[in-house]
Amino acid sequence: MVQFSPVPAFLLAAVIALPIQPAMAETSVSIEVVREVETEEGERELQPVETAVPGEPLIYRIELENTDPVPATSIGLSLPLDESLAIDPETVSSETDIGVVFSADGGENFAEFSELSVEEGGTERQAQPTDLTHMRIEIEEIAAESTIAVEYDAVVR
C-alpha cells in the first residue's frame, strides 16, 4: 500500500527546489493525486487519493496558477518520479501546448520518451516507463490571472 499526502513530499521538494522561471509573474504550483470515479449520474469525477494499492490506476494533476496581471512566460518544471509508480509517458497532457521530456538516469540527461534509451548488460535498449526517473515540463506561457493543469496517468507498482 502506498500512502499519499495532499502534496506528495517528493514532488513538493522538487517544486520548492526548482522554482518556475522566470520570476516576472507570481506563479504557484499545486500537485494532487486523484482517482477517476463514476458518480451516480454516470459522470466522471476526480477524487483525492490518500492510499493506493499495487495495480491501482491514478492520475497526477499539476496546477500552475499565474496570479499576476501579466503573462508568465518560459515556465520550466522538473519533477522526480516516484519509484512506487509507473507513469504512462504518452498520457502527459494539458489544455495548452507543453513540451515534455524524460530522464532515465536520475535527471542527468533528458529526451522525448520515444528517443530515450538505457544501457543494460552492456547493450543499449529503448527505455520503458518503469525506467523513468524524472520528467521536465516546459510551458511557453500562462496567461495573466489564469490557471492551467497538466495531468498524467500512473499505476501503483
N, C-alpha and C. Protein backbone atom coordinates (compact mmCIF):
# COMPACT_ATOMS: atom_id res chain seq x y z
N MET A 1 0.85 -1.16 0.00
CA MET A 1 0.00 0.00 0.00
C MET A 1 0.90 1.23 0.00
N VAL A 2 0.50 2.23 -0.76
CA VAL A 2 1.23 3.49 -0.84
C VAL A 2 0.36 4.57 -0.24
N GLN A 3 0.93 5.39 0.65
CA GLN A 3 0.20 6.47 1.29
C GLN A 3 0.57 7.78 0.62
N PHE A 4 -0.43 8.61 0.33
CA PHE A 4 -0.20 9.90 -0.30
C PHE A 4 -0.62 11.01 0.63
N SER A 5 0.20 12.06 0.71
CA SER A 5 -0.19 13.27 1.42
C SER A 5 -0.87 14.18 0.39
N PRO A 6 -1.53 15.25 0.81
CA PRO A 6 -2.18 16.13 -0.16
C PRO A 6 -1.23 16.58 -1.26
N VAL A 7 0.01 16.88 -0.92
CA VAL A 7 1.04 17.13 -1.92
C VAL A 7 2.16 16.16 -1.59
N PRO A 8 2.38 15.15 -2.47
CA PRO A 8 3.41 14.16 -2.18
C PRO A 8 4.75 14.83 -1.87
N ALA A 9 5.40 14.39 -0.81
CA ALA A 9 6.62 15.03 -0.34
C ALA A 9 7.71 15.08 -1.41
N PHE A 10 7.85 14.01 -2.20
CA PHE A 10 8.90 14.01 -3.21
C PHE A 10 8.65 15.06 -4.28
N LEU A 11 7.39 15.35 -4.59
CA LEU A 11 7.07 16.37 -5.58
C LEU A 11 7.18 17.76 -4.98
N LEU A 12 6.75 17.92 -3.73
CA LEU A 12 6.87 19.21 -3.08
C LEU A 12 8.32 19.65 -3.03
N ALA A 13 9.22 18.72 -2.70
CA ALA A 13 10.63 19.04 -2.66
C ALA A 13 11.12 19.51 -4.03
N ALA A 14 10.65 18.86 -5.09
CA ALA A 14 11.07 19.24 -6.44
C ALA A 14 10.55 20.62 -6.79
N VAL A 15 9.33 20.92 -6.42
CA VAL A 15 8.75 22.21 -6.75
C VAL A 15 9.47 23.32 -6.00
N ILE A 16 9.79 23.08 -4.73
CA ILE A 16 10.48 24.09 -3.94
C ILE A 16 11.91 24.27 -4.44
N ALA A 17 12.57 23.18 -4.79
CA ALA A 17 13.96 23.26 -5.21
C ALA A 17 14.12 23.84 -6.61
N LEU A 18 13.10 23.70 -7.45
CA LEU A 18 13.20 24.17 -8.83
C LEU A 18 12.05 25.13 -9.13
N PRO A 19 12.22 26.40 -8.73
CA PRO A 19 11.12 27.34 -8.92
C PRO A 19 10.81 27.55 -10.39
N ILE A 20 9.59 27.93 -10.66
CA ILE A 20 9.17 28.24 -12.01
C ILE A 20 9.92 29.49 -12.46
N GLN A 21 10.32 29.51 -13.73
CA GLN A 21 11.10 30.62 -14.23
C GLN A 21 10.41 31.23 -15.43
N PRO A 22 10.62 32.47 -15.78
CA PRO A 22 11.26 33.48 -14.95
C PRO A 22 10.31 33.98 -13.88
N ALA A 23 10.84 34.71 -12.93
CA ALA A 23 10.04 35.18 -11.80
C ALA A 23 9.37 36.51 -12.11
N MET A 24 9.04 36.76 -13.35
CA MET A 24 8.40 38.01 -13.74
C MET A 24 6.97 38.08 -13.24
N ALA A 25 6.29 36.95 -13.15
CA ALA A 25 4.91 36.91 -12.69
C ALA A 25 4.82 35.97 -11.49
N GLU A 26 3.91 36.26 -10.60
CA GLU A 26 3.70 35.42 -9.42
C GLU A 26 2.94 34.17 -9.85
N THR A 27 3.61 33.03 -9.77
CA THR A 27 3.03 31.77 -10.21
C THR A 27 3.16 30.74 -9.10
N SER A 28 2.08 30.00 -8.84
CA SER A 28 2.14 28.97 -7.81
C SER A 28 1.84 27.61 -8.43
N VAL A 29 2.32 26.57 -7.76
CA VAL A 29 2.15 25.20 -8.24
C VAL A 29 1.49 24.37 -7.15
N SER A 30 0.50 23.58 -7.55
CA SER A 30 -0.08 22.61 -6.61
C SER A 30 -0.15 21.27 -7.32
N ILE A 31 0.03 20.22 -6.56
CA ILE A 31 0.06 18.87 -7.12
C ILE A 31 -0.87 18.01 -6.29
N GLU A 32 -1.70 17.24 -6.97
CA GLU A 32 -2.56 16.31 -6.25
C GLU A 32 -2.63 14.99 -7.00
N VAL A 33 -2.83 13.94 -6.22
CA VAL A 33 -3.01 12.61 -6.77
C VAL A 33 -4.50 12.30 -6.64
N VAL A 34 -5.11 11.93 -7.77
CA VAL A 34 -6.55 11.67 -7.77
C VAL A 34 -6.83 10.35 -8.46
N ARG A 35 -8.03 9.85 -8.25
CA ARG A 35 -8.50 8.68 -8.98
C ARG A 35 -9.81 9.06 -9.64
N GLU A 36 -10.06 8.45 -10.78
CA GLU A 36 -11.29 8.70 -11.51
C GLU A 36 -12.37 7.76 -10.99
N VAL A 37 -13.50 8.34 -10.64
CA VAL A 37 -14.65 7.55 -10.20
C VAL A 37 -15.87 7.99 -11.00
N GLU A 38 -16.84 7.11 -11.07
CA GLU A 38 -18.07 7.44 -11.76
C GLU A 38 -19.13 7.79 -10.73
N THR A 39 -19.80 8.92 -10.91
CA THR A 39 -20.84 9.36 -9.98
C THR A 39 -22.12 8.58 -10.25
N GLU A 40 -23.08 8.73 -9.37
CA GLU A 40 -24.38 8.06 -9.55
C GLU A 40 -25.05 8.50 -10.85
N GLU A 41 -24.72 9.72 -11.30
CA GLU A 41 -25.29 10.24 -12.55
C GLU A 41 -24.53 9.73 -13.77
N GLY A 42 -23.48 8.93 -13.56
CA GLY A 42 -22.70 8.38 -14.66
C GLY A 42 -21.65 9.32 -15.22
N GLU A 43 -21.31 10.37 -14.48
CA GLU A 43 -20.30 11.32 -14.93
C GLU A 43 -18.95 11.02 -14.29
N ARG A 44 -17.88 11.49 -14.94
CA ARG A 44 -16.52 11.33 -14.45
C ARG A 44 -16.25 12.36 -13.35
N GLU A 45 -15.65 11.89 -12.26
CA GLU A 45 -15.30 12.78 -11.17
C GLU A 45 -13.92 12.36 -10.65
N LEU A 46 -13.10 13.33 -10.31
CA LEU A 46 -11.79 13.06 -9.75
C LEU A 46 -11.84 13.27 -8.25
N GLN A 47 -11.37 12.25 -7.48
CA GLN A 47 -11.36 12.34 -6.03
C GLN A 47 -9.94 12.18 -5.53
N PRO A 48 -9.55 12.96 -4.50
CA PRO A 48 -8.21 12.85 -3.94
C PRO A 48 -7.91 11.44 -3.43
N VAL A 49 -6.65 11.05 -3.52
CA VAL A 49 -6.19 9.73 -3.07
C VAL A 49 -5.32 9.91 -1.84
N GLU A 50 -5.61 9.17 -0.80
CA GLU A 50 -4.76 9.16 0.39
C GLU A 50 -3.93 7.89 0.45
N THR A 51 -4.52 6.76 0.04
CA THR A 51 -3.78 5.49 -0.02
C THR A 51 -4.16 4.79 -1.31
N ALA A 52 -3.23 3.97 -1.80
CA ALA A 52 -3.47 3.22 -3.03
C ALA A 52 -2.77 1.87 -2.92
N VAL A 53 -3.27 0.90 -3.65
CA VAL A 53 -2.70 -0.45 -3.62
C VAL A 53 -2.06 -0.77 -4.98
N PRO A 54 -1.11 -1.71 -5.02
CA PRO A 54 -0.47 -2.08 -6.28
C PRO A 54 -1.50 -2.42 -7.36
N GLY A 55 -1.25 -1.93 -8.55
CA GLY A 55 -2.12 -2.16 -9.68
C GLY A 55 -3.20 -1.10 -9.85
N GLU A 56 -3.37 -0.24 -8.85
CA GLU A 56 -4.42 0.78 -8.92
C GLU A 56 -4.01 1.92 -9.84
N PRO A 57 -4.89 2.28 -10.80
CA PRO A 57 -4.59 3.42 -11.66
C PRO A 57 -4.87 4.75 -10.94
N LEU A 58 -3.97 5.71 -11.13
CA LEU A 58 -4.10 7.03 -10.53
C LEU A 58 -3.87 8.09 -11.59
N ILE A 59 -4.25 9.31 -11.25
CA ILE A 59 -4.00 10.45 -12.12
C ILE A 59 -3.25 11.49 -11.31
N TYR A 60 -2.12 11.95 -11.83
CA TYR A 60 -1.40 13.06 -11.20
C TYR A 60 -1.86 14.33 -11.89
N ARG A 61 -2.21 15.32 -11.10
CA ARG A 61 -2.69 16.60 -11.64
C ARG A 61 -1.84 17.71 -11.05
N ILE A 62 -1.17 18.45 -11.91
CA ILE A 62 -0.31 19.56 -11.51
C ILE A 62 -0.99 20.83 -12.00
N GLU A 63 -1.31 21.73 -11.08
CA GLU A 63 -1.92 23.00 -11.46
C GLU A 63 -0.92 24.12 -11.28
N LEU A 64 -0.81 24.95 -12.30
CA LEU A 64 0.06 26.12 -12.25
C LEU A 64 -0.84 27.34 -12.39
N GLU A 65 -0.78 28.22 -11.41
CA GLU A 65 -1.64 29.40 -11.40
C GLU A 65 -0.80 30.66 -11.47
N ASN A 66 -1.12 31.51 -12.42
CA ASN A 66 -0.48 32.81 -12.55
C ASN A 66 -1.44 33.83 -11.93
N THR A 67 -1.06 34.40 -10.79
CA THR A 67 -1.94 35.34 -10.09
C THR A 67 -1.65 36.79 -10.46
N ASP A 68 -0.67 37.02 -11.31
CA ASP A 68 -0.32 38.39 -11.71
C ASP A 68 -1.14 38.86 -12.90
N PRO A 69 -1.22 40.18 -13.09
CA PRO A 69 -1.94 40.73 -14.25
C PRO A 69 -1.12 40.71 -15.54
N VAL A 70 0.03 40.04 -15.51
CA VAL A 70 0.86 39.89 -16.72
C VAL A 70 1.09 38.40 -16.97
N PRO A 71 1.29 38.00 -18.23
CA PRO A 71 1.54 36.58 -18.52
C PRO A 71 2.85 36.10 -17.90
N ALA A 72 2.87 34.85 -17.49
CA ALA A 72 4.11 34.18 -17.06
C ALA A 72 4.63 33.44 -18.29
N THR A 73 5.90 33.63 -18.61
CA THR A 73 6.45 33.03 -19.83
C THR A 73 7.64 32.14 -19.51
N SER A 74 7.92 31.23 -20.43
CA SER A 74 9.08 30.32 -20.33
C SER A 74 9.12 29.59 -19.00
N ILE A 75 8.06 28.88 -18.68
CA ILE A 75 7.96 28.16 -17.42
C ILE A 75 8.56 26.78 -17.58
N GLY A 76 9.40 26.39 -16.65
CA GLY A 76 10.00 25.06 -16.65
C GLY A 76 9.83 24.42 -15.29
N LEU A 77 9.46 23.15 -15.28
CA LEU A 77 9.24 22.44 -14.03
C LEU A 77 9.84 21.04 -14.16
N SER A 78 10.81 20.72 -13.31
CA SER A 78 11.41 19.38 -13.30
C SER A 78 10.94 18.63 -12.07
N LEU A 79 10.48 17.39 -12.30
CA LEU A 79 9.93 16.60 -11.22
C LEU A 79 10.57 15.23 -11.16
N PRO A 80 11.06 14.81 -9.98
CA PRO A 80 11.46 13.41 -9.84
C PRO A 80 10.20 12.56 -9.82
N LEU A 81 10.27 11.38 -10.40
CA LEU A 81 9.12 10.48 -10.45
C LEU A 81 9.21 9.46 -9.32
N ASP A 82 8.11 9.22 -8.67
CA ASP A 82 8.03 8.30 -7.54
C ASP A 82 8.33 6.87 -8.00
N GLU A 83 9.27 6.22 -7.33
CA GLU A 83 9.65 4.84 -7.68
C GLU A 83 8.52 3.85 -7.45
N SER A 84 7.54 4.20 -6.63
CA SER A 84 6.45 3.27 -6.37
C SER A 84 5.37 3.33 -7.44
N LEU A 85 5.58 4.18 -8.45
CA LEU A 85 4.60 4.33 -9.53
C LEU A 85 5.26 4.08 -10.88
N ALA A 86 4.46 3.61 -11.81
CA ALA A 86 4.87 3.54 -13.21
C ALA A 86 3.96 4.51 -13.96
N ILE A 87 4.56 5.56 -14.52
CA ILE A 87 3.72 6.52 -15.23
C ILE A 87 3.61 6.11 -16.69
N ASP A 88 2.56 6.59 -17.34
CA ASP A 88 2.39 6.38 -18.77
C ASP A 88 2.81 7.66 -19.45
N PRO A 89 4.02 7.70 -20.03
CA PRO A 89 4.53 8.95 -20.61
C PRO A 89 3.70 9.46 -21.79
N GLU A 90 2.92 8.59 -22.39
CA GLU A 90 2.10 9.00 -23.54
C GLU A 90 0.85 9.77 -23.09
N THR A 91 0.54 9.78 -21.80
CA THR A 91 -0.68 10.43 -21.32
C THR A 91 -0.46 11.83 -20.78
N VAL A 92 0.77 12.31 -20.75
CA VAL A 92 1.02 13.65 -20.22
C VAL A 92 0.34 14.66 -21.14
N SER A 93 -0.60 15.43 -20.57
CA SER A 93 -1.38 16.35 -21.40
C SER A 93 -1.76 17.61 -20.64
N SER A 94 -2.15 18.61 -21.41
CA SER A 94 -2.60 19.87 -20.85
C SER A 94 -3.52 20.54 -21.86
N GLU A 95 -4.28 21.52 -21.38
CA GLU A 95 -5.14 22.25 -22.30
C GLU A 95 -4.36 23.28 -23.12
N THR A 96 -3.08 23.42 -22.85
CA THR A 96 -2.22 24.32 -23.60
C THR A 96 -1.04 23.52 -24.15
N ASP A 97 -0.32 24.08 -25.10
CA ASP A 97 0.85 23.39 -25.64
C ASP A 97 1.94 23.30 -24.57
N ILE A 98 2.45 22.09 -24.40
CA ILE A 98 3.55 21.86 -23.46
C ILE A 98 4.61 21.02 -24.14
N GLY A 99 5.82 21.15 -23.64
CA GLY A 99 6.90 20.26 -24.05
C GLY A 99 7.20 19.35 -22.88
N VAL A 100 7.38 18.06 -23.16
CA VAL A 100 7.66 17.11 -22.08
C VAL A 100 8.83 16.23 -22.49
N VAL A 101 9.83 16.15 -21.63
CA VAL A 101 10.96 15.26 -21.83
C VAL A 101 11.17 14.47 -20.55
N PHE A 102 11.86 13.35 -20.68
CA PHE A 102 12.05 12.44 -19.55
C PHE A 102 13.51 12.09 -19.36
N SER A 103 13.82 11.60 -18.17
CA SER A 103 15.15 11.11 -17.86
C SER A 103 15.04 9.70 -17.29
N ALA A 104 16.01 8.87 -17.62
CA ALA A 104 16.09 7.52 -17.06
C ALA A 104 17.40 7.34 -16.31
N ASP A 105 18.10 8.45 -16.06
CA ASP A 105 19.40 8.36 -15.38
C ASP A 105 19.52 9.33 -14.21
N GLY A 106 18.43 9.49 -13.49
CA GLY A 106 18.47 10.33 -12.30
C GLY A 106 18.44 11.82 -12.59
N GLY A 107 18.02 12.22 -13.76
CA GLY A 107 17.91 13.63 -14.10
C GLY A 107 19.14 14.22 -14.75
N GLU A 108 20.08 13.39 -15.14
CA GLU A 108 21.30 13.89 -15.80
C GLU A 108 21.04 14.28 -17.25
N ASN A 109 20.29 13.44 -17.98
CA ASN A 109 20.01 13.68 -19.39
C ASN A 109 18.51 13.54 -19.64
N PHE A 110 17.98 14.37 -20.53
CA PHE A 110 16.56 14.36 -20.86
C PHE A 110 16.36 14.21 -22.36
N ALA A 111 15.28 13.52 -22.74
CA ALA A 111 14.91 13.37 -24.14
C ALA A 111 13.43 13.01 -24.20
N GLU A 112 12.86 13.13 -25.40
CA GLU A 112 11.49 12.66 -25.58
C GLU A 112 11.48 11.17 -25.29
N PHE A 113 10.37 10.68 -24.77
CA PHE A 113 10.29 9.27 -24.37
C PHE A 113 10.66 8.33 -25.51
N SER A 114 10.17 8.60 -26.70
CA SER A 114 10.43 7.73 -27.85
C SER A 114 11.90 7.68 -28.23
N GLU A 115 12.67 8.66 -27.80
CA GLU A 115 14.09 8.73 -28.13
C GLU A 115 14.99 8.34 -26.95
N LEU A 116 14.40 8.01 -25.83
CA LEU A 116 15.16 7.73 -24.62
C LEU A 116 15.62 6.28 -24.60
N SER A 117 16.88 6.08 -24.29
CA SER A 117 17.41 4.72 -24.19
C SER A 117 18.15 4.55 -22.87
N VAL A 118 18.32 3.29 -22.47
CA VAL A 118 19.07 2.96 -21.26
C VAL A 118 20.07 1.86 -21.60
N GLU A 119 21.14 1.83 -20.82
CA GLU A 119 22.12 0.77 -21.01
C GLU A 119 21.85 -0.32 -19.99
N GLU A 120 21.81 -1.56 -20.48
CA GLU A 120 21.53 -2.69 -19.62
C GLU A 120 22.38 -3.87 -20.08
N GLY A 121 23.22 -4.36 -19.20
CA GLY A 121 24.05 -5.51 -19.54
C GLY A 121 25.00 -5.23 -20.69
N GLY A 122 25.48 -4.00 -20.79
CA GLY A 122 26.43 -3.65 -21.84
C GLY A 122 25.79 -3.33 -23.19
N THR A 123 24.48 -3.40 -23.28
CA THR A 123 23.80 -3.05 -24.54
C THR A 123 22.78 -1.95 -24.27
N GLU A 124 22.49 -1.20 -25.31
CA GLU A 124 21.53 -0.11 -25.20
C GLU A 124 20.17 -0.59 -25.69
N ARG A 125 19.11 -0.20 -24.98
CA ARG A 125 17.75 -0.56 -25.37
C ARG A 125 16.84 0.63 -25.17
N GLN A 126 15.66 0.56 -25.82
CA GLN A 126 14.64 1.60 -25.67
C GLN A 126 14.18 1.64 -24.21
N ALA A 127 14.08 2.84 -23.67
CA ALA A 127 13.60 2.99 -22.28
C ALA A 127 12.14 2.56 -22.18
N GLN A 128 11.79 1.99 -21.05
CA GLN A 128 10.43 1.59 -20.74
C GLN A 128 9.89 2.56 -19.67
N PRO A 129 8.59 2.67 -19.51
CA PRO A 129 8.04 3.56 -18.48
C PRO A 129 8.61 3.30 -17.09
N THR A 130 8.92 2.06 -16.76
CA THR A 130 9.46 1.73 -15.44
C THR A 130 10.90 2.20 -15.27
N ASP A 131 11.56 2.62 -16.36
CA ASP A 131 12.92 3.15 -16.28
C ASP A 131 12.96 4.62 -15.93
N LEU A 132 11.86 5.33 -16.07
CA LEU A 132 11.84 6.78 -15.93
C LEU A 132 12.10 7.22 -14.49
N THR A 133 12.97 8.23 -14.35
CA THR A 133 13.29 8.76 -13.03
C THR A 133 12.84 10.21 -12.86
N HIS A 134 12.76 10.97 -13.95
CA HIS A 134 12.40 12.38 -13.89
C HIS A 134 11.57 12.78 -15.12
N MET A 135 10.83 13.85 -14.95
CA MET A 135 10.06 14.43 -16.06
C MET A 135 10.28 15.94 -16.01
N ARG A 136 10.46 16.55 -17.17
CA ARG A 136 10.59 18.00 -17.27
C ARG A 136 9.46 18.51 -18.17
N ILE A 137 8.71 19.49 -17.65
CA ILE A 137 7.60 20.09 -18.38
C ILE A 137 7.97 21.53 -18.70
N GLU A 138 7.80 21.90 -19.97
CA GLU A 138 8.08 23.26 -20.40
C GLU A 138 6.80 23.87 -20.96
N ILE A 139 6.46 25.05 -20.47
CA ILE A 139 5.24 25.75 -20.88
C ILE A 139 5.65 27.12 -21.38
N GLU A 140 5.21 27.45 -22.59
CA GLU A 140 5.58 28.73 -23.18
C GLU A 140 4.98 29.91 -22.42
N GLU A 141 3.68 29.78 -22.06
CA GLU A 141 3.04 30.92 -21.40
C GLU A 141 1.81 30.48 -20.61
N ILE A 142 1.64 31.12 -19.45
CA ILE A 142 0.39 31.02 -18.70
C ILE A 142 -0.18 32.43 -18.71
N ALA A 143 -1.36 32.58 -19.26
CA ALA A 143 -1.97 33.90 -19.38
C ALA A 143 -2.12 34.56 -18.01
N ALA A 144 -2.25 35.87 -18.03
CA ALA A 144 -2.43 36.64 -16.80
C ALA A 144 -3.66 36.14 -16.04
N GLU A 145 -3.50 36.04 -14.74
CA GLU A 145 -4.58 35.65 -13.83
C GLU A 145 -5.35 34.43 -14.31
N SER A 146 -4.61 33.38 -14.64
CA SER A 146 -5.25 32.14 -15.09
C SER A 146 -4.51 30.93 -14.54
N THR A 147 -5.13 29.78 -14.73
CA THR A 147 -4.58 28.52 -14.25
C THR A 147 -4.58 27.51 -15.39
N ILE A 148 -3.52 26.71 -15.45
CA ILE A 148 -3.50 25.59 -16.38
C ILE A 148 -3.20 24.33 -15.57
N ALA A 149 -3.59 23.19 -16.11
CA ALA A 149 -3.34 21.93 -15.44
C ALA A 149 -2.61 20.99 -16.39
N VAL A 150 -1.72 20.19 -15.83
CA VAL A 150 -1.03 19.13 -16.56
C VAL A 150 -1.41 17.84 -15.84
N GLU A 151 -1.85 16.84 -16.60
CA GLU A 151 -2.23 15.56 -16.00
C GLU A 151 -1.48 14.43 -16.67
N TYR A 152 -1.27 13.35 -15.91
CA TYR A 152 -0.74 12.13 -16.49
C TYR A 152 -1.19 10.94 -15.65
N ASP A 153 -1.29 9.79 -16.34
CA ASP A 153 -1.72 8.56 -15.69
C ASP A 153 -0.53 7.83 -15.09
N ALA A 154 -0.81 7.13 -13.99
CA ALA A 154 0.20 6.31 -13.33
C ALA A 154 -0.49 5.10 -12.72
N VAL A 155 0.30 4.05 -12.47
CA VAL A 155 -0.20 2.85 -11.82
C VAL A 155 0.74 2.54 -10.66
N VAL A 156 0.17 2.20 -9.51
CA VAL A 156 0.96 1.83 -8.36
C VAL A 156 1.65 0.50 -8.66
N ARG A 157 2.96 0.44 -8.45
CA ARG A 157 3.73 -0.80 -8.70
C ARG A 157 3.51 -1.78 -7.57
